Structures are given as structure tokens and as C-alpha cells.
Amino acid sequence: MSPHTATGAPGADRDPQHQEWEEREINRIIDERMANPAAGVPIEDVMRETLARSE
């Protein structure tokens, strides 16, 4: 499991490969945001958009 997501997270019942992709994308976004917290879009919005894009 990734360091930024928890069991029962959105998408937990999806295809395992798809879930792995979502977790990699979320982790990448979080890592980028932690490196540059002044980025303009709230992390919640980015995560919501990422998850919606994959549905």
C-alpha cells in the first residue's frame, strides 16, 4: 500500500492495476505539492479530479 492512501480509500474496490495507477498518481501529486506547497490548486481538488478522470 502506498504511504499516502489508506485501506478503504476511494477506488479500493476497483481493478488492482487501476488502483495502483491511482495511488501512483496521487503519490506523485502529493510529492510534488510537498516540494512546492505554494502551487495554486488545493490538493483536494487535484485528487478529486484525478479520481474522477479514472472513472
N, C-alpha and C. Protein backbone atom coordinates (compact mmCIF):
# COMPACT_ATOMS: atom_id res chain seq x y z
N MET A 1 0.84 -1.19 0.00
CA MET A 1 0.00 0.00 0.00
C MET A 1 0.88 1.24 0.00
N SER A 2 0.40 2.26 -0.60
CA SER A 2 1.18 3.49 -0.71
C SER A 2 1.24 4.23 0.62
N PRO A 3 2.20 5.12 0.76
CA PRO A 3 2.31 5.86 2.02
C PRO A 3 1.23 6.91 2.21
N HIS A 4 0.52 7.30 1.14
CA HIS A 4 -0.43 8.41 1.24
C HIS A 4 -1.89 7.98 1.19
N THR A 5 -2.15 6.69 0.99
CA THR A 5 -3.54 6.25 0.93
C THR A 5 -3.76 5.19 2.00
N ALA A 6 -5.02 4.98 2.36
CA ALA A 6 -5.34 4.02 3.41
C ALA A 6 -6.34 2.99 2.90
N THR A 7 -6.39 1.87 3.55
CA THR A 7 -7.37 0.84 3.20
C THR A 7 -8.75 1.46 3.27
N GLY A 8 -9.59 1.14 2.31
CA GLY A 8 -10.92 1.70 2.29
C GLY A 8 -10.99 3.03 1.56
N ALA A 9 -9.88 3.45 0.98
CA ALA A 9 -9.86 4.71 0.24
C ALA A 9 -10.72 4.60 -1.01
N PRO A 10 -11.14 5.71 -1.57
CA PRO A 10 -11.92 5.66 -2.81
C PRO A 10 -11.19 4.83 -3.85
N GLY A 11 -11.93 3.96 -4.53
CA GLY A 11 -11.32 3.14 -5.56
C GLY A 11 -10.80 1.82 -5.05
N ALA A 12 -10.99 1.52 -3.77
CA ALA A 12 -10.44 0.30 -3.19
C ALA A 12 -11.07 -0.95 -3.80
N ASP A 13 -12.26 -0.83 -4.36
CA ASP A 13 -12.92 -1.99 -4.94
C ASP A 13 -12.69 -2.09 -6.46
N ARG A 14 -11.83 -1.27 -7.01
CA ARG A 14 -11.56 -1.28 -8.44
C ARG A 14 -10.50 -2.31 -8.79
N ASP A 15 -10.29 -2.47 -10.08
CA ASP A 15 -9.25 -3.34 -10.59
C ASP A 15 -7.92 -3.00 -9.93
N PRO A 16 -7.17 -4.01 -9.46
CA PRO A 16 -5.90 -3.73 -8.76
C PRO A 16 -4.92 -2.89 -9.58
N GLN A 17 -4.82 -3.13 -10.88
CA GLN A 17 -3.90 -2.32 -11.70
C GLN A 17 -4.36 -0.87 -11.75
N HIS A 18 -5.65 -0.69 -11.85
CA HIS A 18 -6.20 0.66 -11.89
C HIS A 18 -5.94 1.37 -10.57
N GLN A 19 -6.15 0.65 -9.48
CA GLN A 19 -5.91 1.23 -8.15
C GLN A 19 -4.44 1.60 -7.99
N GLU A 20 -3.55 0.75 -8.48
CA GLU A 20 -2.11 1.06 -8.40
C GLU A 20 -1.80 2.34 -9.16
N TRP A 21 -2.41 2.50 -10.34
CA TRP A 21 -2.20 3.72 -11.12
C TRP A 21 -2.68 4.94 -10.34
N GLU A 22 -3.90 4.83 -9.75
CA GLU A 22 -4.43 5.95 -8.97
C GLU A 22 -3.49 6.30 -7.82
N GLU A 23 -3.00 5.28 -7.12
CA GLU A 23 -2.12 5.54 -5.99
C GLU A 23 -0.82 6.20 -6.45
N ARG A 24 -0.27 5.74 -7.59
CA ARG A 24 0.96 6.37 -8.10
C ARG A 24 0.71 7.82 -8.46
N GLU A 25 -0.41 8.10 -9.10
CA GLU A 25 -0.73 9.48 -9.48
C GLU A 25 -0.91 10.36 -8.24
N ILE A 26 -1.65 9.87 -7.26
CA ILE A 26 -1.87 10.65 -6.04
C ILE A 26 -0.55 10.87 -5.32
N ASN A 27 0.27 9.82 -5.22
CA ASN A 27 1.57 9.97 -4.55
C ASN A 27 2.45 10.97 -5.29
N ARG A 28 2.42 10.93 -6.62
CA ARG A 28 3.22 11.87 -7.41
C ARG A 28 2.76 13.30 -7.14
N ILE A 29 1.46 13.51 -7.13
CA ILE A 29 0.92 14.84 -6.89
C ILE A 29 1.27 15.32 -5.49
N ILE A 30 1.12 14.44 -4.51
CA ILE A 30 1.44 14.81 -3.13
C ILE A 30 2.93 15.13 -3.00
N ASP A 31 3.78 14.31 -3.61
CA ASP A 31 5.22 14.57 -3.54
C ASP A 31 5.57 15.91 -4.18
N GLU A 32 4.96 16.19 -5.34
CA GLU A 32 5.20 17.48 -5.99
C GLU A 32 4.73 18.63 -5.11
N ARG A 33 3.56 18.46 -4.51
CA ARG A 33 2.99 19.52 -3.68
C ARG A 33 3.84 19.76 -2.44
N MET A 34 4.37 18.67 -1.85
CA MET A 34 5.21 18.83 -0.67
C MET A 34 6.51 19.55 -1.03
N ALA A 35 7.00 19.34 -2.25
CA ALA A 35 8.21 20.02 -2.70
C ALA A 35 7.94 21.50 -2.99
N ASN A 36 6.68 21.81 -3.37
CA ASN A 36 6.32 23.18 -3.72
C ASN A 36 4.91 23.47 -3.19
N PRO A 37 4.75 23.69 -1.89
CA PRO A 37 3.42 23.87 -1.32
C PRO A 37 2.69 25.13 -1.79
N ALA A 38 3.38 26.02 -2.48
CA ALA A 38 2.74 27.25 -2.92
C ALA A 38 1.99 27.08 -4.25
N ALA A 39 1.93 25.88 -4.78
CA ALA A 39 1.20 25.66 -6.03
C ALA A 39 -0.24 26.14 -5.87
N GLY A 40 -0.87 26.57 -6.96
CA GLY A 40 -2.14 27.26 -6.88
C GLY A 40 -3.39 26.47 -6.59
N VAL A 41 -3.46 25.18 -6.92
CA VAL A 41 -4.70 24.42 -6.79
C VAL A 41 -4.65 23.58 -5.52
N PRO A 42 -5.69 23.63 -4.70
CA PRO A 42 -5.70 22.82 -3.47
C PRO A 42 -5.55 21.33 -3.78
N ILE A 43 -4.79 20.61 -2.98
CA ILE A 43 -4.52 19.19 -3.21
C ILE A 43 -5.82 18.38 -3.28
N GLU A 44 -6.82 18.77 -2.51
CA GLU A 44 -8.09 18.04 -2.54
C GLU A 44 -8.73 18.10 -3.92
N ASP A 45 -8.65 19.27 -4.56
CA ASP A 45 -9.21 19.42 -5.90
C ASP A 45 -8.45 18.57 -6.91
N VAL A 46 -7.14 18.54 -6.77
CA VAL A 46 -6.32 17.75 -7.69
C VAL A 46 -6.64 16.27 -7.52
N MET A 47 -6.75 15.81 -6.29
CA MET A 47 -7.06 14.40 -6.05
C MET A 47 -8.46 14.05 -6.57
N ARG A 48 -9.43 14.91 -6.33
CA ARG A 48 -10.79 14.67 -6.81
C ARG A 48 -10.80 14.58 -8.34
N GLU A 49 -10.09 15.48 -9.00
CA GLU A 49 -10.02 15.46 -10.47
C GLU A 49 -9.32 14.20 -10.96
N THR A 50 -8.24 13.81 -10.29
CA THR A 50 -7.51 12.60 -10.69
C THR A 50 -8.40 11.37 -10.58
N LEU A 51 -9.12 11.26 -9.49
CA LEU A 51 -10.00 10.11 -9.29
C LEU A 51 -11.16 10.13 -10.27
N ALA A 52 -11.72 11.30 -10.56
CA ALA A 52 -12.83 11.40 -11.49
C ALA A 52 -12.38 11.05 -12.92
N ARG A 53 -11.16 11.42 -13.27
CA ARG A 53 -10.63 11.15 -14.60
C ARG A 53 -10.51 9.64 -14.85
N SER A 54 -10.28 8.89 -13.80
CA SER A 54 -10.05 7.46 -13.95
C SER A 54 -11.34 6.65 -14.00
N GLU A 55 -12.49 7.26 -13.72
CA GLU A 55 -13.75 6.51 -13.66
C GLU A 55 -14.34 6.29 -15.02
